[in-house]
């Protein structure tokens, strides 16, 4: 099993919490693959909004 750097994990959770307004524990409970999917979608959406302006 591969461990995940605590700083990276906290950075991802902070980013998702800011954009999705989900509780810390819910984000922490996400499997890495699922959290990565949410990150990718939120970042894509964020870039899309920035490109429109």
PDB file of N, CA and C in Angstrom:
ATOM      1  N   UNK A   1       0.839  -1.178   0.000  1.00  0.00           N
ATOM      2  CA  UNK A   1       0.000   0.000   0.000  1.00  0.00           C
ATOM      3  C   UNK A   1       0.887   1.246   0.000  1.00  0.00           C
ATOM      4  N   UNK A   2       0.545   2.192  -0.825  1.00  0.00           N
ATOM      5  CA  UNK A   2       1.296   3.432  -0.925  1.00  0.00           C
ATOM      6  C   UNK A   2       0.686   4.473   0.005  1.00  0.00           C
ATOM      7  N   UNK A   3       1.544   5.164   0.744  1.00  0.00           N
ATOM      8  CA  UNK A   3       1.038   6.232   1.600  1.00  0.00           C
ATOM      9  C   UNK A   3       1.018   7.540   0.816  1.00  0.00           C
ATOM     10  N   UNK A   4       0.262   8.471   1.295  1.00  0.00           N
ATOM     11  CA  UNK A   4       0.071   9.749   0.620  1.00  0.00           C
ATOM     12  C   UNK A   4       0.596  10.845   1.528  1.00  0.00           C
ATOM     13  N   UNK A   5       1.373  11.742   0.984  1.00  0.00           N
ATOM     14  CA  UNK A   5       1.977  12.818   1.774  1.00  0.00           C
ATOM     15  C   UNK A   5       0.885  13.649   2.462  1.00  0.00           C
ATOM     16  N   UNK A   6       1.057  13.881   3.754  1.00  0.00           N
ATOM     17  CA  UNK A   6       0.054  14.610   4.532  1.00  0.00           C
ATOM     18  C   UNK A   6      -0.191  16.004   3.974  1.00  0.00           C
ATOM     19  N   UNK A   7       0.867  16.694   3.540  1.00  0.00           N
ATOM     20  CA  UNK A   7       0.699  18.043   2.978  1.00  0.00           C
ATOM     21  C   UNK A   7      -0.141  18.019   1.710  1.00  0.00           C
ATOM     22  N   UNK A   8       0.084  17.012   0.860  1.00  0.00           N
ATOM     23  CA  UNK A   8      -0.704  16.885  -0.374  1.00  0.00           C
ATOM     24  C   UNK A   8      -2.166  16.594  -0.050  1.00  0.00           C
ATOM     25  N   UNK A   9      -2.382  15.700   0.897  1.00  0.00           N
ATOM     26  CA  UNK A   9      -3.743  15.356   1.294  1.00  0.00           C
ATOM     27  C   UNK A   9      -4.481  16.573   1.839  1.00  0.00           C
ATOM     28  N   UNK A  10      -3.844  17.309   2.723  1.00  0.00           N
ATOM     29  CA  UNK A  10      -4.483  18.502   3.290  1.00  0.00           C
ATOM     30  C   UNK A  10      -4.732  19.571   2.228  1.00  0.00           C
ATOM     31  N   UNK A  11      -3.825  19.705   1.296  1.00  0.00           N
ATOM     32  CA  UNK A  11      -4.007  20.673   0.206  1.00  0.00           C
ATOM     33  C   UNK A  11      -5.217  20.300  -0.649  1.00  0.00           C
ATOM     34  N   UNK A  12      -5.344  19.033  -0.986  1.00  0.00           N
ATOM     35  CA  UNK A  12      -6.481  18.577  -1.787  1.00  0.00           C
ATOM     36  C   UNK A  12      -7.792  18.782  -1.035  1.00  0.00           C
ATOM     37  N   UNK A  13      -7.799  18.427   0.235  1.00  0.00           N
ATOM     38  CA  UNK A  13      -9.014  18.566   1.029  1.00  0.00           C
ATOM     39  C   UNK A  13      -9.402  20.030   1.174  1.00  0.00           C
ATOM     40  N   UNK A  14      -8.423  20.899   1.409  1.00  0.00           N
ATOM     41  CA  UNK A  14      -8.713  22.325   1.526  1.00  0.00           C
ATOM     42  C   UNK A  14      -9.296  22.870   0.223  1.00  0.00           C
ATOM     43  N   UNK A  15      -8.738  22.454  -0.900  1.00  0.00           N
ATOM     44  CA  UNK A  15      -9.222  22.908  -2.207  1.00  0.00           C
ATOM     45  C   UNK A  15     -10.674  22.463  -2.425  1.00  0.00           C
ATOM     46  N   UNK A  16     -10.935  21.189  -2.167  1.00  0.00           N
ATOM     47  CA  UNK A  16     -12.297  20.675  -2.351  1.00  0.00           C
ATOM     48  C   UNK A  16     -13.270  21.294  -1.356  1.00  0.00           C
ATOM     49  N   UNK A  17     -12.850  21.449  -0.109  1.00  0.00           N
ATOM     50  CA  UNK A  17     -13.729  22.042   0.897  1.00  0.00           C
ATOM     51  C   UNK A  17     -14.108  23.468   0.503  1.00  0.00           C
ATOM     52  N   UNK A  18     -13.143  24.207  -0.032  1.00  0.00           N
ATOM     53  CA  UNK A  18     -13.401  25.578  -0.459  1.00  0.00           C
ATOM     54  C   UNK A  18     -14.440  25.628  -1.577  1.00  0.00           C
ATOM     55  N   UNK A  19     -14.306  24.743  -2.532  1.00  0.00           N
ATOM     56  CA  UNK A  19     -15.189  24.776  -3.701  1.00  0.00           C
ATOM     57  C   UNK A  19     -16.502  24.031  -3.504  1.00  0.00           C
ATOM     58  N   UNK A  20     -16.484  22.945  -2.748  1.00  0.00           N
ATOM     59  CA  UNK A  20     -17.683  22.116  -2.617  1.00  0.00           C
ATOM     60  C   UNK A  20     -18.436  22.340  -1.314  1.00  0.00           C
ATOM     61  N   UNK A  21     -17.773  22.969  -0.337  1.00  0.00           N
ATOM     62  CA  UNK A  21     -18.397  23.217   0.969  1.00  0.00           C
ATOM     63  C   UNK A  21     -18.828  21.920   1.647  1.00  0.00           C
ATOM     64  N   UNK A  22     -17.994  20.912   1.511  1.00  0.00           N
ATOM     65  CA  UNK A  22     -18.236  19.630   2.162  1.00  0.00           C
ATOM     66  C   UNK A  22     -17.455  19.580   3.462  1.00  0.00           C
ATOM     67  N   UNK A  23     -17.948  18.834   4.450  1.00  0.00           N
ATOM     68  CA  UNK A  23     -17.231  18.699   5.725  1.00  0.00           C
ATOM     69  C   UNK A  23     -15.893  17.978   5.553  1.00  0.00           C
ATOM     70  N   UNK A  24     -14.943  18.368   6.386  1.00  0.00           N
ATOM     71  CA  UNK A  24     -13.601  17.792   6.361  1.00  0.00           C
ATOM     72  C   UNK A  24     -13.630  16.270   6.408  1.00  0.00           C
ATOM     73  N   UNK A  25     -14.399  15.707   7.329  1.00  0.00           N
ATOM     74  CA  UNK A  25     -14.416  14.249   7.497  1.00  0.00           C
ATOM     75  C   UNK A  25     -14.944  13.524   6.263  1.00  0.00           C
ATOM     76  N   UNK A  26     -15.922  14.099   5.583  1.00  0.00           N
ATOM     77  CA  UNK A  26     -16.429  13.478   4.358  1.00  0.00           C
ATOM     78  C   UNK A  26     -15.357  13.451   3.277  1.00  0.00           C
ATOM     79  N   UNK A  27     -14.626  14.548   3.151  1.00  0.00           N
ATOM     80  CA  UNK A  27     -13.561  14.611   2.155  1.00  0.00           C
ATOM     81  C   UNK A  27     -12.417  13.675   2.520  1.00  0.00           C
ATOM     82  N   UNK A  28     -12.098  13.599   3.786  1.00  0.00           N
ATOM     83  CA  UNK A  28     -11.025  12.725   4.243  1.00  0.00           C
ATOM     84  C   UNK A  28     -11.376  11.258   4.030  1.00  0.00           C
ATOM     85  N   UNK A  29     -12.658  10.921   4.122  1.00  0.00           N
ATOM     86  CA  UNK A  29     -13.098   9.535   3.946  1.00  0.00           C
ATOM     87  C   UNK A  29     -13.107   9.071   2.494  1.00  0.00           C
ATOM     88  N   UNK A  30     -13.003  10.003   1.549  1.00  0.00           N
ATOM     89  CA  UNK A  30     -12.998   9.609   0.137  1.00  0.00           C
ATOM     90  C   UNK A  30     -11.746   8.795  -0.185  1.00  0.00           C
ATOM     91  N   UNK A  31     -11.920   7.765  -0.982  1.00  0.00           N
ATOM     92  CA  UNK A  31     -10.768   7.023  -1.493  1.00  0.00           C
ATOM     93  C   UNK A  31      -9.952   7.956  -2.381  1.00  0.00           C
ATOM     94  N   UNK A  32      -8.675   7.703  -2.455  1.00  0.00           N
ATOM     95  CA  UNK A  32      -7.782   8.572  -3.229  1.00  0.00           C
ATOM     96  C   UNK A  32      -8.260   8.741  -4.675  1.00  0.00           C
ATOM     97  N   UNK A  33      -8.644   7.653  -5.308  1.00  0.00           N
ATOM     98  CA  UNK A  33      -9.080   7.719  -6.711  1.00  0.00           C
ATOM     99  C   UNK A  33     -10.312   8.602  -6.839  1.00  0.00           C
ATOM    100  N   UNK A  34     -11.258   8.439  -5.937  1.00  0.00           N
ATOM    101  CA  UNK A  34     -12.488   9.231  -6.000  1.00  0.00           C
ATOM    102  C   UNK A  34     -12.198  10.710  -5.725  1.00  0.00           C
ATOM    103  N   UNK A  35     -11.336  10.983  -4.724  1.00  0.00           N
ATOM    104  CA  UNK A  35     -10.958  12.366  -4.423  1.00  0.00           C
ATOM    105  C   UNK A  35     -10.256  13.002  -5.616  1.00  0.00           C
ATOM    106  N   UNK A  36      -9.398  12.240  -6.282  1.00  0.00           N
ATOM    107  CA  UNK A  36      -8.696  12.745  -7.469  1.00  0.00           C
ATOM    108  C   UNK A  36      -9.672  13.077  -8.588  1.00  0.00           C
ATOM    109  N   UNK A  37     -10.712  12.267  -8.727  1.00  0.00           N
ATOM    110  CA  UNK A  37     -11.729  12.550  -9.745  1.00  0.00           C
ATOM    111  C   UNK A  37     -12.439  13.866  -9.444  1.00  0.00           C
ATOM    112  N   UNK A  38     -12.827  14.059  -8.186  1.00  0.00           N
ATOM    113  CA  UNK A  38     -13.464  15.319  -7.807  1.00  0.00           C
ATOM    114  C   UNK A  38     -12.529  16.491  -8.040  1.00  0.00           C
ATOM    115  N   UNK A  39     -11.264  16.342  -7.674  1.00  0.00           N
ATOM    116  CA  UNK A  39     -10.290  17.420  -7.892  1.00  0.00           C
ATOM    117  C   UNK A  39     -10.198  17.788  -9.365  1.00  0.00           C
ATOM    118  N   UNK A  40     -10.097  16.780 -10.207  1.00  0.00           N
ATOM    119  CA  UNK A  40      -9.982  17.031 -11.642  1.00  0.00           C
ATOM    120  C   UNK A  40     -11.213  17.770 -12.167  1.00  0.00           C
ATOM    121  N   UNK A  41     -12.402  17.337 -11.763  1.00  0.00           N
ATOM    122  CA  UNK A  41     -13.624  17.977 -12.246  1.00  0.00           C
ATOM    123  C   UNK A  41     -13.755  19.406 -11.736  1.00  0.00           C
ATOM    124  N   UNK A  42     -13.443  19.627 -10.468  1.00  0.00           N
ATOM    125  CA  UNK A  42     -13.541  20.979  -9.913  1.00  0.00           C
ATOM    126  C   UNK A  42     -12.518  21.895 -10.574  1.00  0.00           C
ATOM    127  N   UNK A  43     -11.297  21.412 -10.753  1.00  0.00           N
ATOM    128  CA  UNK A  43     -10.265  22.231 -11.403  1.00  0.00           C
ATOM    129  C   UNK A  43     -10.640  22.534 -12.852  1.00  0.00           C
ATOM    130  N   UNK A  44     -11.171  21.545 -13.573  1.00  0.00           N
ATOM    131  CA  UNK A  44     -11.609  21.775 -14.954  1.00  0.00           C
ATOM    132  C   UNK A  44     -12.704  22.833 -15.003  1.00  0.00           C
ATOM    133  N   UNK A  45     -13.662  22.716 -14.094  1.00  0.00           N
ATOM    134  CA  UNK A  45     -14.754  23.679 -14.052  1.00  0.00           C
ATOM    135  C   UNK A  45     -14.237  25.074 -13.709  1.00  0.00           C
ATOM    136  N   UNK A  46     -13.316  25.144 -12.749  1.00  0.00           N
ATOM    137  CA  UNK A  46     -12.720  26.415 -12.357  1.00  0.00           C
ATOM    138  C   UNK A  46     -11.969  27.060 -13.521  1.00  0.00           C
ATOM    139  N   UNK A  47     -11.208  26.265 -14.259  1.00  0.00           N
ATOM    140  CA  UNK A  47     -10.501  26.796 -15.427  1.00  0.00           C
ATOM    141  C   UNK A  47     -11.484  27.250 -16.509  1.00  0.00           C
ATOM    142  N   UNK A  48     -12.534  26.498 -16.684  1.00  0.00           N
ATOM    143  CA  UNK A  48     -13.558  26.867 -17.667  1.00  0.00           C
ATOM    144  C   UNK A  48     -14.157  28.235 -17.326  1.00  0.00           C
ATOM    145  N   UNK A  49     -14.458  28.445 -16.045  1.00  0.00           N
ATOM    146  CA  UNK A  49     -15.018  29.740 -15.633  1.00  0.00           C
ATOM    147  C   UNK A  49     -14.028  30.865 -15.845  1.00  0.00           C
ATOM    148  N   UNK A  50     -12.766  30.626 -15.553  1.00  0.00           N
ATOM    149  CA  UNK A  50     -11.738  31.661 -15.739  1.00  0.00           C
ATOM    150  C   UNK A  50     -11.562  32.004 -17.209  1.00  0.00           C
ATOM    151  N   UNK A  51     -11.644  30.997 -18.073  1.00  0.00           N
ATOM    152  CA  UNK A  51     -11.470  31.233 -19.505  1.00  0.00           C
ATOM    153  C   UNK A  51     -12.609  32.043 -20.096  1.00  0.00           C
ATOM    154  N   UNK A  52     -13.785  31.960 -19.490  1.00  0.00           N
ATOM    155  CA  UNK A  52     -14.948  32.690 -19.990  1.00  0.00           C
ATOM    156  C   UNK A  52     -14.835  34.181 -19.718  1.00  0.00           C
ATOM    157  N   UNK A  53     -14.067  34.537 -18.717  1.00  0.00           N
ATOM    158  CA  UNK A  53     -13.970  35.956 -18.325  1.00  0.00           C
ATOM    159  C   UNK A  53     -12.841  36.646 -18.990  1.00  0.00           C
TER     160      UNK A  53
END
